[in-house]
Amino acid sequence: MSIPQLLVHNPEDNVGVVVVEDLKAGTDMLCVVTLDNSSFRLTAIDDVPIGHKVALKDLSAGDTAIKYGEDIGKMIGPAKKGGHVHTQNLKTKRW
């Protein structure tokens, strides 16, 4: 069994979380959905640190980021499918 590189909490999420150190662009990631233990594959297009998010589909400025099936913030810049999502393109709505 392969070890997942990305965890997605809910099938409705549009971002997942990197769970390995030093994920490199070009990695064919095993992605596991924790809610139902399903899996899929996605290619990382950026280097992404552990704990940071990856877009599961193309996201544009103004889109809502969904994690845990919940709104976690507003995209303030774009992220391509497989791209890094963090403070450079996502702002929490809490602050």
Foldseek 3Di string as FASTA:
>chain_A
DDDFQWEAADPPFQKTFGADAFAAAQDFGWYAHVVVRDTDTFGARHGEGGGWIFGQAKDAFQDFGAGNNDGQFTFNGIHHHNYTDDPVTTDGPPD
